[in-house]
Amino acid sequence: TDEKEKLDITRKIAAMYMQNAKIDKAEHYYNEILKAVPKDEAALTWLGEIHSLLGGARSGLAPADIPQLEEAIGYYDKVLADNAEALTPTVNKRIALLKMRDYWQIKKNAADKDEAAAPKRDKKAKAEAHTRSVDAQAKIDELAPRIEVAAAAVTELIKKRQAKMDGGTPAPDQDGGTSGEDAGMPGGEGKDGG
């Protein structure tokens, strides 16, 4: 009857399903947690992980599923909106973004190859392949700043964690100075997202 106890049991059930690779059932229970606690960091992070898995971000050989990856990023962004120093969602978001970039790079490479292979007299095929290449490059260009921001955030959060472990002194920058940033430990992350 206790709400906290119900949430704890729901978390355990969700984790059990994740461990047994029954992600559809795990997703159901994580969503149940969000009904009770809409900003639950651990549940949001795990939902992001589920959609990262479905999007192919956890395997270099798996094909990318862009809508699943976007959904994963959406969950990570919900966590980061309330806790910008949550390391796991930051790292996982970067991984999802890189999987998307790689998807579009493969598409661009294939289009470039098709354009080069098309006979000169087949202007329609060349133009179609060129358009696909340009579109894919536009997606890559659109992702680049998002990846840079995520990569910088990961680096900064790792520096802060290291500084905290070293006693609170910020690690020296590459130029030998200190970063000057607060060396506080990211807090309230809940469980790892993977």
N, C-alpha and C. Protein backbone atom coordinates (compact mmCIF):
# COMPACT_ATOMS: atom_id res chain seq x y z
N THR A 1 0.82 -1.21 0.00
CA THR A 1 0.00 0.00 0.00
C THR A 1 0.86 1.27 0.00
N ASP A 2 2.11 1.15 0.45
CA ASP A 2 3.00 2.31 0.53
C ASP A 2 3.49 2.68 -0.87
N GLU A 3 3.38 3.95 -1.25
CA GLU A 3 3.75 4.39 -2.60
C GLU A 3 5.23 4.19 -2.89
N LYS A 4 6.07 4.48 -1.89
CA LYS A 4 7.52 4.29 -2.08
C LYS A 4 7.83 2.81 -2.30
N GLU A 5 7.19 1.97 -1.53
CA GLU A 5 7.41 0.53 -1.67
C GLU A 5 6.94 0.04 -3.05
N LYS A 6 5.80 0.56 -3.51
CA LYS A 6 5.30 0.20 -4.85
C LYS A 6 6.31 0.60 -5.92
N LEU A 7 6.86 1.81 -5.79
CA LEU A 7 7.85 2.28 -6.76
C LEU A 7 9.11 1.42 -6.73
N ASP A 8 9.56 1.05 -5.53
CA ASP A 8 10.75 0.21 -5.41
C ASP A 8 10.53 -1.15 -6.07
N ILE A 9 9.36 -1.72 -5.86
CA ILE A 9 9.05 -3.02 -6.47
C ILE A 9 8.96 -2.87 -7.99
N THR A 10 8.35 -1.79 -8.45
CA THR A 10 8.23 -1.55 -9.90
C THR A 10 9.62 -1.41 -10.52
N ARG A 11 10.52 -0.71 -9.83
CA ARG A 11 11.90 -0.58 -10.31
C ARG A 11 12.58 -1.94 -10.42
N LYS A 12 12.39 -2.77 -9.41
CA LYS A 12 13.00 -4.10 -9.42
C LYS A 12 12.46 -4.95 -10.56
N ILE A 13 11.17 -4.86 -10.80
CA ILE A 13 10.57 -5.62 -11.90
C ILE A 13 11.13 -5.13 -13.24
N ALA A 14 11.19 -3.82 -13.40
CA ALA A 14 11.73 -3.25 -14.65
C ALA A 14 13.17 -3.70 -14.86
N ALA A 15 13.98 -3.64 -13.80
CA ALA A 15 15.39 -4.05 -13.90
C ALA A 15 15.51 -5.52 -14.23
N MET A 16 14.64 -6.33 -13.65
CA MET A 16 14.65 -7.76 -13.94
C MET A 16 14.37 -8.02 -15.42
N TYR A 17 13.39 -7.32 -15.96
CA TYR A 17 13.09 -7.49 -17.39
C TYR A 17 14.24 -7.00 -18.26
N MET A 18 14.90 -5.91 -17.87
CA MET A 18 16.06 -5.43 -18.63
C MET A 18 17.17 -6.48 -18.62
N GLN A 19 17.43 -7.06 -17.47
CA GLN A 19 18.49 -8.08 -17.36
C GLN A 19 18.18 -9.30 -18.21
N ASN A 20 16.91 -9.57 -18.42
CA ASN A 20 16.51 -10.73 -19.21
C ASN A 20 16.17 -10.37 -20.65
N ALA A 21 16.57 -9.16 -21.08
CA ALA A 21 16.39 -8.68 -22.45
C ALA A 21 14.93 -8.69 -22.90
N LYS A 22 14.03 -8.44 -21.97
CA LYS A 22 12.60 -8.31 -22.32
C LYS A 22 12.27 -6.82 -22.23
N ILE A 23 12.81 -6.10 -23.22
CA ILE A 23 12.76 -4.64 -23.12
C ILE A 23 11.36 -4.06 -23.27
N ASP A 24 10.47 -4.77 -23.97
CA ASP A 24 9.10 -4.26 -24.07
C ASP A 24 8.42 -4.26 -22.71
N LYS A 25 8.66 -5.29 -21.93
CA LYS A 25 8.07 -5.35 -20.58
C LYS A 25 8.78 -4.34 -19.65
N ALA A 26 10.10 -4.24 -19.79
CA ALA A 26 10.83 -3.26 -18.98
C ALA A 26 10.32 -1.85 -19.27
N GLU A 27 10.12 -1.54 -20.55
CA GLU A 27 9.62 -0.22 -20.93
C GLU A 27 8.28 0.06 -20.26
N HIS A 28 7.41 -0.94 -20.23
CA HIS A 28 6.10 -0.78 -19.59
C HIS A 28 6.26 -0.36 -18.13
N TYR A 29 7.13 -1.05 -17.40
CA TYR A 29 7.31 -0.74 -15.98
C TYR A 29 8.01 0.58 -15.74
N TYR A 30 8.95 0.94 -16.60
CA TYR A 30 9.57 2.26 -16.46
C TYR A 30 8.54 3.36 -16.72
N ASN A 31 7.65 3.13 -17.65
CA ASN A 31 6.58 4.11 -17.89
C ASN A 31 5.62 4.19 -16.70
N GLU A 32 5.41 3.07 -16.01
CA GLU A 32 4.59 3.08 -14.80
C GLU A 32 5.24 3.97 -13.73
N ILE A 33 6.55 3.90 -13.63
CA ILE A 33 7.27 4.74 -12.67
C ILE A 33 7.06 6.21 -13.03
N LEU A 34 7.14 6.52 -14.33
CA LEU A 34 6.97 7.92 -14.75
C LEU A 34 5.56 8.44 -14.49
N LYS A 35 4.58 7.56 -14.47
CA LYS A 35 3.22 8.01 -14.13
C LYS A 35 3.18 8.52 -12.70
N ALA A 36 3.94 7.87 -11.82
CA ALA A 36 3.97 8.29 -10.41
C ALA A 36 4.96 9.42 -10.18
N VAL A 37 6.10 9.37 -10.86
CA VAL A 37 7.16 10.37 -10.70
C VAL A 37 7.62 10.79 -12.09
N PRO A 38 6.96 11.78 -12.70
CA PRO A 38 7.23 12.13 -14.11
C PRO A 38 8.67 12.50 -14.44
N LYS A 39 9.44 12.96 -13.47
CA LYS A 39 10.82 13.36 -13.75
C LYS A 39 11.83 12.39 -13.14
N ASP A 40 11.42 11.15 -12.96
CA ASP A 40 12.31 10.16 -12.37
C ASP A 40 13.52 9.94 -13.27
N GLU A 41 14.67 10.34 -12.78
CA GLU A 41 15.88 10.35 -13.59
C GLU A 41 16.29 8.95 -14.05
N ALA A 42 16.23 8.00 -13.16
CA ALA A 42 16.63 6.63 -13.51
C ALA A 42 15.69 6.04 -14.56
N ALA A 43 14.39 6.21 -14.38
CA ALA A 43 13.43 5.66 -15.35
C ALA A 43 13.60 6.32 -16.71
N LEU A 44 13.77 7.64 -16.74
CA LEU A 44 13.98 8.34 -18.00
C LEU A 44 15.26 7.86 -18.69
N THR A 45 16.32 7.68 -17.91
CA THR A 45 17.59 7.22 -18.46
C THR A 45 17.45 5.82 -19.03
N TRP A 46 16.76 4.94 -18.29
CA TRP A 46 16.57 3.57 -18.78
C TRP A 46 15.68 3.54 -20.02
N LEU A 47 14.67 4.39 -20.08
CA LEU A 47 13.84 4.46 -21.29
C LEU A 47 14.68 4.93 -22.48
N GLY A 48 15.59 5.87 -22.22
CA GLY A 48 16.52 6.28 -23.27
C GLY A 48 17.38 5.11 -23.71
N GLU A 49 17.85 4.31 -22.76
CA GLU A 49 18.67 3.14 -23.07
C GLU A 49 17.89 2.13 -23.91
N ILE A 50 16.63 1.91 -23.56
CA ILE A 50 15.80 0.98 -24.33
C ILE A 50 15.71 1.43 -25.78
N HIS A 51 15.46 2.71 -25.99
CA HIS A 51 15.32 3.21 -27.37
C HIS A 51 16.68 3.29 -28.08
N SER A 52 17.75 3.46 -27.31
CA SER A 52 19.09 3.37 -27.92
C SER A 52 19.34 1.96 -28.43
N LEU A 53 18.96 0.97 -27.63
CA LEU A 53 19.10 -0.43 -28.06
C LEU A 53 18.29 -0.68 -29.32
N LEU A 54 17.04 -0.25 -29.29
CA LEU A 54 16.17 -0.45 -30.46
C LEU A 54 16.67 0.33 -31.68
N GLY A 55 17.37 1.42 -31.43
CA GLY A 55 17.91 2.25 -32.50
C GLY A 55 19.24 1.77 -33.03
N GLY A 56 19.80 0.72 -32.41
CA GLY A 56 21.06 0.17 -32.90
C GLY A 56 22.30 0.80 -32.31
N ALA A 57 22.15 1.68 -31.32
CA ALA A 57 23.31 2.41 -30.79
C ALA A 57 24.22 1.54 -29.94
N ARG A 58 23.79 0.38 -29.56
CA ARG A 58 24.61 -0.48 -28.71
C ARG A 58 25.38 -1.54 -29.49
N SER A 59 25.29 -1.46 -30.82
CA SER A 59 26.01 -2.43 -31.65
C SER A 59 26.52 -1.72 -32.90
N GLY A 60 27.79 -1.90 -33.15
CA GLY A 60 28.36 -1.31 -34.36
C GLY A 60 27.81 -1.94 -35.63
N LEU A 61 27.33 -3.18 -35.52
CA LEU A 61 26.82 -3.88 -36.69
C LEU A 61 25.32 -3.69 -36.91
N ALA A 62 24.61 -3.28 -35.88
CA ALA A 62 23.16 -3.12 -36.00
C ALA A 62 22.84 -1.91 -36.87
N PRO A 63 21.81 -2.04 -37.70
CA PRO A 63 21.41 -0.88 -38.50
C PRO A 63 20.81 0.20 -37.60
N ALA A 64 20.98 1.42 -37.99
CA ALA A 64 20.43 2.54 -37.21
C ALA A 64 18.94 2.69 -37.51
N ASP A 65 18.18 2.94 -36.46
CA ASP A 65 16.76 3.25 -36.58
C ASP A 65 16.62 4.68 -36.06
N ILE A 66 16.58 5.63 -36.99
CA ILE A 66 16.62 7.05 -36.63
C ILE A 66 15.48 7.46 -35.69
N PRO A 67 14.21 7.07 -35.93
CA PRO A 67 13.16 7.47 -34.98
C PRO A 67 13.41 6.95 -33.56
N GLN A 68 13.92 5.73 -33.43
CA GLN A 68 14.22 5.19 -32.10
C GLN A 68 15.35 5.99 -31.44
N LEU A 69 16.36 6.33 -32.22
CA LEU A 69 17.48 7.11 -31.67
C LEU A 69 17.02 8.50 -31.25
N GLU A 70 16.15 9.12 -32.04
CA GLU A 70 15.61 10.44 -31.66
C GLU A 70 14.80 10.33 -30.37
N GLU A 71 14.04 9.23 -30.22
CA GLU A 71 13.27 9.05 -29.00
C GLU A 71 14.21 8.87 -27.80
N ALA A 72 15.27 8.11 -27.98
CA ALA A 72 16.27 7.93 -26.92
C ALA A 72 16.84 9.28 -26.50
N ILE A 73 17.22 10.08 -27.48
CA ILE A 73 17.78 11.41 -27.20
C ILE A 73 16.77 12.27 -26.45
N GLY A 74 15.50 12.14 -26.82
CA GLY A 74 14.45 12.88 -26.12
C GLY A 74 14.39 12.54 -24.64
N TYR A 75 14.52 11.26 -24.32
CA TYR A 75 14.54 10.87 -22.90
C TYR A 75 15.78 11.40 -22.20
N TYR A 76 16.93 11.31 -22.85
CA TYR A 76 18.16 11.83 -22.24
C TYR A 76 18.04 13.35 -22.02
N ASP A 77 17.45 14.04 -22.99
CA ASP A 77 17.28 15.50 -22.84
C ASP A 77 16.37 15.85 -21.67
N LYS A 78 15.36 15.01 -21.40
CA LYS A 78 14.49 15.27 -20.25
C LYS A 78 15.27 15.20 -18.95
N VAL A 79 16.17 14.24 -18.85
CA VAL A 79 17.01 14.14 -17.66
C VAL A 79 17.91 15.36 -17.57
N LEU A 80 18.57 15.69 -18.68
CA LEU A 80 19.55 16.78 -18.69
C LEU A 80 18.91 18.15 -18.48
N ALA A 81 17.63 18.28 -18.78
CA ALA A 81 16.94 19.55 -18.54
C ALA A 81 16.87 19.84 -17.03
N ASP A 82 16.79 18.79 -16.22
CA ASP A 82 16.73 18.96 -14.76
C ASP A 82 18.07 18.77 -14.08
N ASN A 83 18.96 18.02 -14.73
CA ASN A 83 20.26 17.74 -14.13
C ASN A 83 21.31 17.71 -15.23
N ALA A 84 21.82 18.87 -15.56
CA ALA A 84 22.79 18.99 -16.65
C ALA A 84 24.09 18.25 -16.38
N GLU A 85 24.31 17.84 -15.13
CA GLU A 85 25.54 17.15 -14.79
C GLU A 85 25.37 15.64 -14.68
N ALA A 86 24.27 15.12 -15.19
CA ALA A 86 24.06 13.67 -15.19
C ALA A 86 24.94 13.06 -16.29
N LEU A 87 25.93 12.31 -15.88
CA LEU A 87 26.93 11.79 -16.82
C LEU A 87 26.36 10.72 -17.75
N THR A 88 25.65 9.75 -17.22
CA THR A 88 25.17 8.64 -18.05
C THR A 88 24.31 9.11 -19.22
N PRO A 89 23.29 9.94 -18.99
CA PRO A 89 22.50 10.39 -20.14
C PRO A 89 23.32 11.22 -21.13
N THR A 90 24.31 11.95 -20.63
CA THR A 90 25.16 12.74 -21.51
C THR A 90 25.98 11.83 -22.42
N VAL A 91 26.58 10.81 -21.84
CA VAL A 91 27.37 9.85 -22.61
C VAL A 91 26.48 9.11 -23.60
N ASN A 92 25.33 8.63 -23.12
CA ASN A 92 24.43 7.86 -23.98
C ASN A 92 23.85 8.70 -25.12
N LYS A 93 23.60 9.96 -24.84
CA LYS A 93 23.10 10.86 -25.90
C LYS A 93 24.17 10.99 -26.98
N ARG A 94 25.40 11.17 -26.59
CA ARG A 94 26.49 11.28 -27.55
C ARG A 94 26.59 10.02 -28.41
N ILE A 95 26.46 8.86 -27.80
CA ILE A 95 26.52 7.59 -28.54
C ILE A 95 25.39 7.52 -29.57
N ALA A 96 24.19 7.91 -29.17
CA ALA A 96 23.05 7.89 -30.09
C ALA A 96 23.28 8.86 -31.25
N LEU A 97 23.80 10.04 -30.95
CA LEU A 97 24.09 11.02 -31.99
C LEU A 97 25.15 10.50 -32.97
N LEU A 98 26.17 9.83 -32.44
CA LEU A 98 27.22 9.28 -33.31
C LEU A 98 26.66 8.17 -34.21
N LYS A 99 25.74 7.37 -33.67
CA LYS A 99 25.12 6.32 -34.49
C LYS A 99 24.32 6.95 -35.62
N MET A 100 23.63 8.05 -35.33
CA MET A 100 22.88 8.75 -36.38
C MET A 100 23.82 9.33 -37.43
N ARG A 101 24.92 9.93 -36.97
CA ARG A 101 25.89 10.49 -37.92
C ARG A 101 26.46 9.39 -38.82
N ASP A 102 26.80 8.26 -38.22
CA ASP A 102 27.34 7.15 -39.00
C ASP A 102 26.33 6.65 -40.04
N TYR A 103 25.06 6.62 -39.66
CA TYR A 103 24.00 6.22 -40.59
C TYR A 103 23.99 7.13 -41.82
N TRP A 104 24.02 8.42 -41.56
CA TRP A 104 23.97 9.37 -42.68
C TRP A 104 25.27 9.36 -43.49
N GLN A 105 26.39 9.07 -42.84
CA GLN A 105 27.66 8.97 -43.56
C GLN A 105 27.62 7.77 -44.52
N ILE A 106 27.07 6.65 -44.08
CA ILE A 106 26.92 5.47 -44.94
C ILE A 106 26.02 5.81 -46.13
N LYS A 107 24.93 6.51 -45.86
CA LYS A 107 24.02 6.92 -46.94
C LYS A 107 24.74 7.83 -47.94
N LYS A 108 25.53 8.77 -47.42
CA LYS A 108 26.26 9.69 -48.30
C LYS A 108 27.29 8.93 -49.13
N ASN A 109 28.03 8.05 -48.49
CA ASN A 109 29.04 7.27 -49.23
C ASN A 109 28.40 6.44 -50.33
N ALA A 110 27.26 5.83 -50.04
CA ALA A 110 26.56 5.02 -51.05
C ALA A 110 26.09 5.90 -52.20
N ALA A 111 25.57 7.08 -51.89
CA ALA A 111 25.10 7.99 -52.93
C ALA A 111 26.27 8.48 -53.79
N ASP A 112 27.39 8.80 -53.15
CA ASP A 112 28.58 9.23 -53.90
C ASP A 112 29.07 8.12 -54.83
N LYS A 113 29.04 6.89 -54.34
CA LYS A 113 29.45 5.74 -55.15
C LYS A 113 28.50 5.55 -56.33
N ASP A 114 27.20 5.68 -56.06
CA ASP A 114 26.21 5.55 -57.14
C ASP A 114 26.39 6.65 -58.19
N GLU A 115 26.67 7.85 -57.72
CA GLU A 115 26.86 8.97 -58.66
C GLU A 115 28.09 8.72 -59.53
N ALA A 116 29.17 8.25 -58.92
CA ALA A 116 30.40 7.99 -59.68
C ALA A 116 30.23 6.82 -60.65
N ALA A 117 29.41 5.84 -60.27
CA ALA A 117 29.24 4.64 -61.10
C ALA A 117 28.25 4.85 -62.25
N ALA A 118 27.38 5.83 -62.11
CA ALA A 118 26.38 6.06 -63.17
C ALA A 118 27.06 6.58 -64.44
N PRO A 119 26.66 6.05 -65.57
CA PRO A 119 27.25 6.54 -66.84
C PRO A 119 26.97 8.04 -67.02
N LYS A 120 27.90 8.72 -67.67
CA LYS A 120 27.75 10.17 -67.89
C LYS A 120 26.46 10.50 -68.62
N ARG A 121 26.07 9.63 -69.53
CA ARG A 121 24.85 9.92 -70.31
C ARG A 121 23.57 9.76 -69.49
N ASP A 122 23.67 9.07 -68.32
CA ASP A 122 22.48 8.89 -67.47
C ASP A 122 22.41 10.03 -66.45
N LYS A 123 22.07 11.20 -66.97
CA LYS A 123 22.05 12.41 -66.14
C LYS A 123 21.02 12.31 -65.01
N LYS A 124 19.93 11.62 -65.27
CA LYS A 124 18.89 11.48 -64.24
C LYS A 124 19.43 10.68 -63.04
N ALA A 125 20.11 9.57 -63.30
CA ALA A 125 20.67 8.75 -62.21
C ALA A 125 21.74 9.53 -61.45
N LYS A 126 22.59 10.24 -62.19
CA LYS A 126 23.63 11.05 -61.54
C LYS A 126 23.01 12.13 -60.65
N ALA A 127 21.98 12.80 -61.16
CA ALA A 127 21.34 13.87 -60.40
C ALA A 127 20.64 13.33 -59.15
N GLU A 128 20.00 12.18 -59.31
CA GLU A 128 19.31 11.57 -58.16
C GLU A 128 20.31 11.18 -57.08
N ALA A 129 21.41 10.56 -57.48
CA ALA A 129 22.44 10.17 -56.52
C ALA A 129 23.07 11.40 -55.87
N HIS A 130 23.30 12.44 -56.66
CA HIS A 130 23.88 13.67 -56.13
C HIS A 130 22.95 14.29 -55.09
N THR A 131 21.66 14.29 -55.36
CA THR A 131 20.68 14.85 -54.42
C THR A 131 20.69 14.06 -53.11
N ARG A 132 20.77 12.74 -53.21
CA ARG A 132 20.84 11.91 -51.99
C ARG A 132 22.09 12.23 -51.20
N SER A 133 23.21 12.44 -51.89
CA SER A 133 24.47 12.77 -51.24
C SER A 133 24.38 14.11 -50.52
N VAL A 134 23.82 15.09 -51.19
CA VAL A 134 23.67 16.43 -50.60
C VAL A 134 22.75 16.38 -49.38
N ASP A 135 21.65 15.63 -49.49
CA ASP A 135 20.72 15.51 -48.36
C ASP A 135 21.39 14.84 -47.16
N ALA A 136 22.16 13.79 -47.42
CA ALA A 136 22.85 13.09 -46.34
C ALA A 136 23.90 14.00 -45.69
N GLN A 137 24.61 14.76 -46.51
CA GLN A 137 25.61 15.68 -45.97
C GLN A 137 24.94 16.75 -45.10
N ALA A 138 23.77 17.19 -45.50
CA ALA A 138 23.04 18.18 -44.69
C ALA A 138 22.70 17.60 -43.32
N LYS A 139 22.32 16.33 -43.27
CA LYS A 139 22.01 15.69 -41.98
C LYS A 139 23.28 15.58 -41.14
N ILE A 140 24.39 15.23 -41.76
CA ILE A 140 25.67 15.13 -41.05
C ILE A 140 26.04 16.50 -40.48
N ASP A 141 25.90 17.54 -41.29
CA ASP A 141 26.22 18.90 -40.86
C ASP A 141 25.31 19.36 -39.72
N GLU A 142 24.06 18.94 -39.77
CA GLU A 142 23.11 19.29 -38.72
C GLU A 142 23.47 18.60 -37.39
N LEU A 143 23.98 17.38 -37.48
CA LEU A 143 24.34 16.63 -36.27
C LEU A 143 25.67 17.09 -35.65
N ALA A 144 26.56 17.62 -36.46
CA ALA A 144 27.92 17.97 -36.00
C ALA A 144 27.93 18.84 -34.74
N PRO A 145 27.20 19.96 -34.70
CA PRO A 145 27.26 20.77 -33.48
C PRO A 145 26.65 20.07 -32.27
N ARG A 146 25.63 19.26 -32.50
CA ARG A 146 25.02 18.52 -31.39
C ARG A 146 26.03 17.52 -30.80
N ILE A 147 26.79 16.88 -31.68
CA ILE A 147 27.81 15.93 -31.23
C ILE A 147 28.92 16.66 -30.48
N GLU A 148 29.33 17.82 -31.00
CA GLU A 148 30.39 18.60 -30.35
C GLU A 148 29.97 19.03 -28.96
N VAL A 149 28.74 19.48 -28.79
CA VAL A 149 28.25 19.91 -27.48
C VAL A 149 28.23 18.72 -26.52
N ALA A 150 27.73 17.58 -27.00
CA ALA A 150 27.67 16.39 -26.14
C ALA A 150 29.07 15.92 -25.76
N ALA A 151 29.99 15.93 -26.71
CA ALA A 151 31.37 15.50 -26.43
C ALA A 151 32.03 16.42 -25.41
N ALA A 152 31.83 17.73 -25.56
CA ALA A 152 32.40 18.68 -24.61
C ALA A 152 31.81 18.49 -23.22
N ALA A 153 30.51 18.21 -23.16
CA ALA A 153 29.86 17.99 -21.87
C ALA A 153 30.40 16.73 -21.20
N VAL A 154 30.60 15.67 -21.97
CA VAL A 154 31.17 14.44 -21.42
C VAL A 154 32.56 14.72 -20.85
N THR A 155 33.39 15.39 -21.61
CA THR A 155 34.75 15.71 -21.17
C THR A 155 34.73 16.51 -19.87
N GLU A 156 33.89 17.52 -19.81
CA GLU A 156 33.82 18.38 -18.63
C GLU A 156 33.31 17.61 -17.42
N LEU A 157 32.30 16.78 -17.61
CA LEU A 157 31.77 16.01 -16.48
C LEU A 157 32.78 15.00 -15.95
N ILE A 158 33.53 14.39 -16.85
CA ILE A 158 34.57 13.45 -16.42
C ILE A 158 35.66 14.18 -15.65
N LYS A 159 36.04 15.37 -16.12
CA LYS A 159 37.03 16.19 -15.40
C LYS A 159 36.54 16.50 -14.00
N LYS A 160 35.28 16.88 -13.88
CA LYS A 160 34.72 17.22 -12.57
C LYS A 160 34.71 16.02 -11.65
N ARG A 161 34.35 14.88 -12.18
CA ARG A 161 34.36 13.67 -11.36
C ARG A 161 35.77 13.32 -10.90
N GLN A 162 36.70 13.43 -11.81
CA GLN A 162 38.10 13.13 -11.47
C GLN A 162 38.60 14.09 -10.41
N ALA A 163 38.26 15.36 -10.56
CA ALA A 163 38.68 16.36 -9.57
C ALA A 163 38.09 16.03 -8.21
N LYS A 164 36.86 15.62 -8.18
CA LYS A 164 36.20 15.26 -6.92
C LYS A 164 36.91 14.07 -6.27
N MET A 165 37.29 13.10 -7.08
CA MET A 165 38.00 11.93 -6.56
C MET A 165 39.40 12.30 -6.08
N ASP A 166 39.98 13.33 -6.70
CA ASP A 166 41.32 13.79 -6.33
C ASP A 166 41.31 14.77 -5.16
N GLY A 167 40.14 15.01 -4.58
CA GLY A 167 40.06 15.90 -3.43
C GLY A 167 39.54 17.27 -3.73
N GLY A 168 38.95 17.48 -4.88
CA GLY A 168 38.32 18.74 -5.20
C GLY A 168 39.16 19.73 -5.95
N THR A 169 40.38 19.37 -6.32
CA THR A 169 41.22 20.26 -7.10
C THR A 169 40.99 20.00 -8.57
N PRO A 170 40.59 21.01 -9.34
CA PRO A 170 40.38 20.80 -10.77
C PRO A 170 41.66 20.32 -11.44
N ALA A 171 41.49 19.41 -12.37
CA ALA A 171 42.64 18.88 -13.11
C ALA A 171 43.21 19.97 -13.99
N PRO A 172 44.54 19.96 -14.23
CA PRO A 172 45.13 20.97 -15.10
C PRO A 172 44.61 20.84 -16.52
N ASP A 173 44.45 21.97 -17.18
CA ASP A 173 44.11 21.97 -18.60
C ASP A 173 45.34 21.55 -19.37
N GLN A 174 45.20 21.38 -20.66
CA GLN A 174 46.32 20.97 -21.49
C GLN A 174 47.44 22.00 -21.47
N ASP A 175 47.09 23.27 -21.24
CA ASP A 175 48.13 24.30 -21.23
C ASP A 175 48.82 24.43 -19.87
N GLY A 176 48.45 23.54 -18.91
CA GLY A 176 49.09 23.53 -17.61
C GLY A 176 48.36 24.33 -16.56
N GLY A 177 47.36 25.12 -16.94
CA GLY A 177 46.58 25.88 -15.97
C GLY A 177 45.47 25.01 -15.41
N THR A 178 44.57 25.61 -14.66
CA THR A 178 43.42 24.86 -14.17
C THR A 178 42.20 25.35 -14.90
N SER A 179 41.21 24.50 -14.92
CA SER A 179 40.01 24.82 -15.69
C SER A 179 39.23 25.96 -15.07
N GLY A 180 39.35 26.14 -13.76
CA GLY A 180 38.61 27.22 -13.11
C GLY A 180 37.15 26.88 -12.87
N GLU A 181 36.73 25.70 -13.29
CA GLU A 181 35.34 25.30 -13.11
C GLU A 181 35.15 24.71 -11.72
N ASP A 182 33.93 24.74 -11.24
CA ASP A 182 33.58 24.09 -9.99
C ASP A 182 33.80 22.60 -10.16
N ALA A 183 34.46 21.98 -9.21
CA ALA A 183 34.79 20.57 -9.31
C ALA A 183 33.76 19.70 -8.60
N GLY A 184 32.53 20.17 -8.52
CA GLY A 184 31.49 19.41 -7.83
C GLY A 184 31.11 18.13 -8.55
N MET A 185 30.73 17.14 -7.78
CA MET A 185 30.33 15.84 -8.32
C MET A 185 28.93 15.94 -8.87
N PRO A 186 28.68 15.41 -10.07
CA PRO A 186 27.31 15.38 -10.57
C PRO A 186 26.46 14.61 -9.58
N GLY A 187 25.28 15.12 -9.32
CA GLY A 187 24.46 14.48 -8.30
C GLY A 187 23.13 13.99 -8.81
N GLY A 188 22.53 13.12 -8.06
CA GLY A 188 21.17 12.67 -8.32
C GLY A 188 20.99 11.90 -9.60
N GLU A 189 22.02 11.18 -10.04
CA GLU A 189 21.89 10.49 -11.32
C GLU A 189 21.03 9.26 -11.26
N GLY A 190 20.87 8.66 -10.12
CA GLY A 190 20.13 7.41 -10.08
C GLY A 190 20.99 6.31 -10.68
N LYS A 191 20.34 5.33 -11.25
CA LYS A 191 21.08 4.19 -11.80
C LYS A 191 21.63 4.52 -13.16
N ASP A 192 22.68 3.81 -13.51
CA ASP A 192 23.29 3.98 -14.83
C ASP A 192 22.31 3.61 -15.91
N GLY A 193 22.43 4.29 -17.03
CA GLY A 193 21.59 3.97 -18.19
C GLY A 193 22.24 2.98 -19.11
N GLY A 194 23.36 2.39 -18.77
CA GLY A 194 23.94 1.37 -19.64
C GLY A 194 25.38 1.59 -19.92
